[in-house]
Amino acid sequence: MPKMVVLNQAGKELHEITLADAVFGIEPNQQCIFDAIVMQRASMRQGTHDTKNRTEVRGGGRKPWRQKGTGRARQGSIRATQWRGGGTVFGPTPRSYAYKLNKKVRRLALKSVLSEKVLENAMSVVDKFELEAPKTKAFNEIIANLEAPKKTLFVVSEGEDFENAFLSMRNIPTMMMLTADGLNVYDIVNANKIVFTEAAVKDVEEALA
């Protein structure tokens, strides 16, 4: 079972905890991770692309010239698809790109990326985030104490008082904070390091074990 040293905000070691093998100690499944990321990125797409077909383009109601006798090719509308300014054939229309993965695949993907971060020594645990007031400078000191690199993901528990910590770090562009129930594969993979609070670790283990 993987073990992790719990630090305080000052970066001092407090005690050691044992992580659940079923969540943080499995063999990462790369295919599940890939599928989960593709699904999540597809869901992010706006899908607002739109083109006009020949019925939607303004004008073109009358026949441009008579059917026979002009020597030119027959035409029914100046908004037919072969005309400049005509409608588009089979162009994109607004749609949702979102789709669902099986729950087992999503859970396995999440456990796989968490286990991968443990294997890469890219995860640490703090006891809690405690700030008297929302100050970016104060949170920058915590980041320095924890030796957190750019693109660090902080994970807190819904039951904790993390409002000051969240308000303090949201002005730092390379950092992100999520609650344990909002944890997702894409944000974990995108982060260089994950910093959990002790309560958040328990929440994740209860949800995924």
Protein backbone atom coordinates (compact mmCIF):
# COMPACT_ATOMS: atom_id res chain seq x y z
CA MET A 1 0.00 0.00 0.00
CA PRO A 2 1.37 3.44 -0.91
CA LYS A 3 2.22 5.74 1.99
CA MET A 4 2.26 9.53 2.02
CA VAL A 5 3.73 12.05 4.46
CA VAL A 6 1.24 14.70 5.57
CA LEU A 7 2.65 18.24 5.60
CA ASN A 8 1.36 21.45 7.13
CA GLN A 9 1.11 24.78 5.31
CA ALA A 10 4.67 25.60 6.32
CA GLY A 11 5.94 22.44 4.58
CA LYS A 12 6.81 20.66 7.86
CA GLU A 13 6.17 16.91 8.18
CA LEU A 14 3.37 15.99 10.59
CA HIS A 15 2.63 12.29 10.24
CA GLU A 16 2.30 9.49 7.69
CA ILE A 17 -0.89 8.08 6.19
CA THR A 18 -1.54 4.93 4.18
CA LEU A 19 -3.38 5.41 0.91
CA ALA A 20 -6.00 2.94 -0.29
CA ASP A 21 -4.42 0.45 -2.68
CA ALA A 22 -7.65 0.18 -4.69
CA VAL A 23 -7.54 3.91 -5.51
CA PHE A 24 -3.91 5.05 -5.41
CA GLY A 25 -2.06 1.78 -6.03
CA ILE A 26 -3.51 0.13 -9.14
CA GLU A 27 -1.84 -0.57 -12.48
CA PRO A 28 -2.77 2.46 -14.65
CA ASN A 29 -5.00 1.63 -17.61
CA GLN A 30 -3.84 3.93 -20.42
CA GLN A 31 -6.76 3.14 -22.73
CA CYS A 32 -9.31 4.16 -20.08
CA ILE A 33 -7.37 7.37 -19.41
CA PHE A 34 -7.34 8.18 -23.14
CA ASP A 35 -11.07 7.45 -23.53
CA ALA A 36 -11.95 9.61 -20.52
CA ILE A 37 -9.91 12.58 -21.79
CA VAL A 38 -11.40 12.38 -25.30
CA MET A 39 -14.90 12.22 -23.78
CA GLN A 40 -14.26 15.18 -21.50
CA ARG A 41 -12.72 17.33 -24.24
CA ALA A 42 -15.60 16.50 -26.58
CA SER A 43 -18.04 17.66 -23.89
CA MET A 44 -16.19 20.99 -23.68
CA ARG A 45 -16.92 21.81 -27.33
CA GLN A 46 -19.51 24.54 -27.85
CA GLY A 47 -20.91 23.04 -31.04
CA THR A 48 -22.33 26.40 -32.17
CA HIS A 49 -21.07 26.09 -35.77
CA ASP A 50 -23.79 26.73 -38.34
CA THR A 51 -24.13 27.11 -42.11
CA LYS A 52 -27.08 28.08 -44.28
CA ASN A 53 -28.47 25.68 -46.85
CA ARG A 54 -30.28 26.85 -49.98
CA THR A 55 -33.60 27.22 -48.15
CA GLU A 56 -32.06 29.51 -45.52
CA VAL A 57 -30.01 31.85 -47.74
CA ARG A 58 -31.82 35.13 -48.46
CA GLY A 59 -33.14 35.54 -52.03
CA GLY A 60 -33.22 33.18 -54.96
CA GLY A 61 -36.98 32.77 -55.06
CA ARG A 62 -37.44 33.21 -58.79
CA LYS A 63 -35.93 31.34 -61.68
CA PRO A 64 -32.97 33.41 -63.03
CA TRP A 65 -33.82 32.79 -66.71
CA ARG A 66 -36.24 30.72 -68.71
CA GLN A 67 -35.73 26.99 -69.00
CA LYS A 68 -35.07 26.78 -72.74
CA GLY A 69 -33.82 28.91 -75.58
CA THR A 70 -31.01 30.91 -73.95
CA GLY A 71 -28.18 28.49 -74.70
CA ARG A 72 -27.16 28.52 -71.06
CA ALA A 73 -27.47 25.71 -68.57
CA ARG A 74 -30.83 25.44 -66.89
CA GLN A 75 -31.02 27.04 -63.43
CA GLY A 76 -33.80 27.15 -60.89
CA SER A 77 -32.39 29.56 -58.29
CA ILE A 78 -29.42 31.88 -57.79
CA ARG A 79 -29.08 30.39 -54.30
CA ALA A 80 -28.46 26.84 -55.55
CA THR A 81 -25.26 25.34 -54.18
CA GLN A 82 -23.21 25.77 -57.37
CA TRP A 83 -23.72 29.57 -57.34
CA ARG A 84 -21.50 32.09 -55.57
CA GLY A 85 -23.49 33.13 -52.50
CA GLY A 86 -25.56 29.98 -52.71
CA GLY A 87 -26.39 27.58 -49.91
CA THR A 88 -24.00 25.04 -48.41
CA VAL A 89 -24.48 21.31 -48.95
CA PHE A 90 -24.23 19.13 -45.84
CA GLY A 91 -22.58 21.93 -43.85
CA PRO A 92 -22.20 21.81 -40.05
CA THR A 93 -25.22 22.57 -37.88
CA PRO A 94 -25.35 23.27 -34.13
CA ARG A 95 -25.05 20.08 -32.10
CA SER A 96 -23.71 18.70 -28.86
CA TYR A 97 -20.54 16.62 -29.03
CA ALA A 98 -21.06 15.24 -25.52
CA TYR A 99 -21.34 11.51 -24.98
CA LYS A 100 -21.13 9.21 -21.99
CA LEU A 101 -18.61 6.60 -20.93
CA ASN A 102 -19.57 3.63 -18.83
CA LYS A 103 -19.34 4.34 -15.10
CA LYS A 104 -16.80 1.54 -14.61
CA VAL A 105 -14.54 3.00 -17.29
CA ARG A 106 -14.74 6.50 -15.78
CA ARG A 107 -13.93 5.23 -12.29
CA LEU A 108 -11.04 3.12 -13.58
CA ALA A 109 -9.66 6.10 -15.50
CA LEU A 110 -9.79 8.29 -12.39
CA LYS A 111 -8.07 5.65 -10.25
CA SER A 112 -5.49 5.11 -12.99
CA VAL A 113 -4.42 8.78 -13.16
CA LEU A 114 -4.30 9.05 -9.36
CA SER A 115 -2.11 5.94 -9.18
CA GLU A 116 0.07 7.35 -11.95
CA LYS A 117 0.64 10.58 -10.00
CA VAL A 118 1.67 8.55 -6.93
CA LEU A 119 4.13 6.52 -9.06
CA GLU A 120 5.57 9.74 -10.51
CA ASN A 121 5.94 11.32 -7.01
CA ALA A 122 3.70 14.10 -8.28
CA MET A 123 1.27 14.03 -5.36
CA SER A 124 1.44 15.38 -1.82
CA VAL A 125 -0.93 15.76 1.14
CA VAL A 126 -1.41 18.71 3.52
CA ASP A 127 -3.43 18.65 6.73
CA LYS A 128 -5.58 21.66 5.70
CA PHE A 129 -5.53 25.13 4.16
CA GLU A 130 -6.07 27.78 6.80
CA LEU A 131 -5.96 31.46 5.89
CA GLU A 132 -7.31 34.30 8.03
CA ALA A 133 -8.21 36.41 5.00
CA PRO A 134 -8.14 36.00 1.22
CA LYS A 135 -4.63 37.14 0.27
CA THR A 136 -2.80 35.97 -2.86
CA LYS A 137 0.55 36.75 -1.20
CA ALA A 138 -0.29 34.39 1.69
CA PHE A 139 -1.18 31.57 -0.71
CA ASN A 140 2.00 32.17 -2.72
CA GLU A 141 3.93 31.54 0.50
CA ILE A 142 2.11 28.22 0.94
CA ILE A 143 2.97 27.30 -2.66
CA ALA A 144 6.64 28.05 -1.97
CA ASN A 145 6.58 26.06 1.29
CA LEU A 146 5.07 23.03 -0.46
CA GLU A 147 7.46 23.40 -3.42
CA ALA A 148 4.48 23.26 -5.75
CA PRO A 149 5.44 23.75 -9.42
CA LYS A 150 3.46 25.63 -12.05
CA LYS A 151 0.18 23.94 -12.97
CA THR A 152 -0.53 22.48 -9.53
CA LEU A 153 -4.00 21.15 -8.75
CA PHE A 154 -5.21 21.61 -5.15
CA VAL A 155 -7.96 19.24 -4.02
CA VAL A 156 -10.06 20.05 -0.94
CA SER A 157 -13.03 18.45 0.79
CA GLU A 158 -16.53 19.87 0.45
CA GLY A 159 -16.83 19.81 4.25
CA GLU A 160 -13.76 22.00 4.81
CA ASP A 161 -13.67 25.77 5.15
CA PHE A 162 -11.61 26.52 2.05
CA GLU A 163 -13.22 29.78 0.90
CA ASN A 164 -10.27 32.01 1.86
CA ALA A 165 -7.83 29.60 0.23
CA PHE A 166 -9.88 29.52 -2.97
CA LEU A 167 -10.22 33.31 -3.12
CA SER A 168 -6.48 33.65 -2.47
CA MET A 169 -5.37 31.31 -5.27
CA ARG A 170 -7.87 32.10 -8.03
CA ASN A 171 -5.75 35.07 -9.13
CA ILE A 172 -2.80 32.76 -9.84
CA PRO A 173 -3.25 31.64 -13.47
CA THR A 174 -1.28 28.39 -13.31
CA MET A 175 -3.03 27.01 -10.21
CA MET A 176 -6.40 25.33 -9.85
CA MET A 177 -8.52 24.24 -6.89
CA LEU A 178 -11.27 21.59 -7.00
CA THR A 179 -13.38 19.82 -4.43
CA ALA A 180 -12.94 16.05 -4.19
CA ASP A 181 -16.32 15.40 -5.82
CA GLY A 182 -15.32 17.58 -8.80
CA LEU A 183 -12.09 15.68 -9.44
CA ASN A 184 -11.71 14.65 -13.09
CA VAL A 185 -9.22 12.87 -15.32
CA TYR A 186 -8.40 15.79 -17.63
CA ASP A 187 -7.47 18.25 -14.86
CA ILE A 188 -5.34 15.63 -13.08
CA VAL A 189 -3.42 14.74 -16.25
CA ASN A 190 -3.02 18.43 -17.11
CA ALA A 191 -1.47 19.20 -13.70
CA ASN A 192 2.22 18.76 -12.94
CA LYS A 193 1.41 18.03 -9.30
CA ILE A 194 -1.64 17.38 -7.13
CA VAL A 195 -1.89 18.58 -3.53
CA PHE A 196 -4.68 16.95 -1.51
CA THR A 197 -5.91 17.94 1.91
CA GLU A 198 -6.16 15.00 4.30
CA ALA A 199 -9.96 15.22 4.30
CA ALA A 200 -10.04 15.24 0.48
CA VAL A 201 -8.02 12.00 0.36
CA LYS A 202 -10.64 10.33 2.57
CA ASP A 203 -13.45 11.65 0.37
CA VAL A 204 -11.82 10.28 -2.78
CA GLU A 205 -11.15 6.91 -1.16
CA GLU A 206 -14.76 6.63 0.02
CA ALA A 207 -16.05 7.49 -3.45
CA LEU A 208 -13.76 5.21 -5.47
CA ALA A 209 -12.65 2.34 -3.21
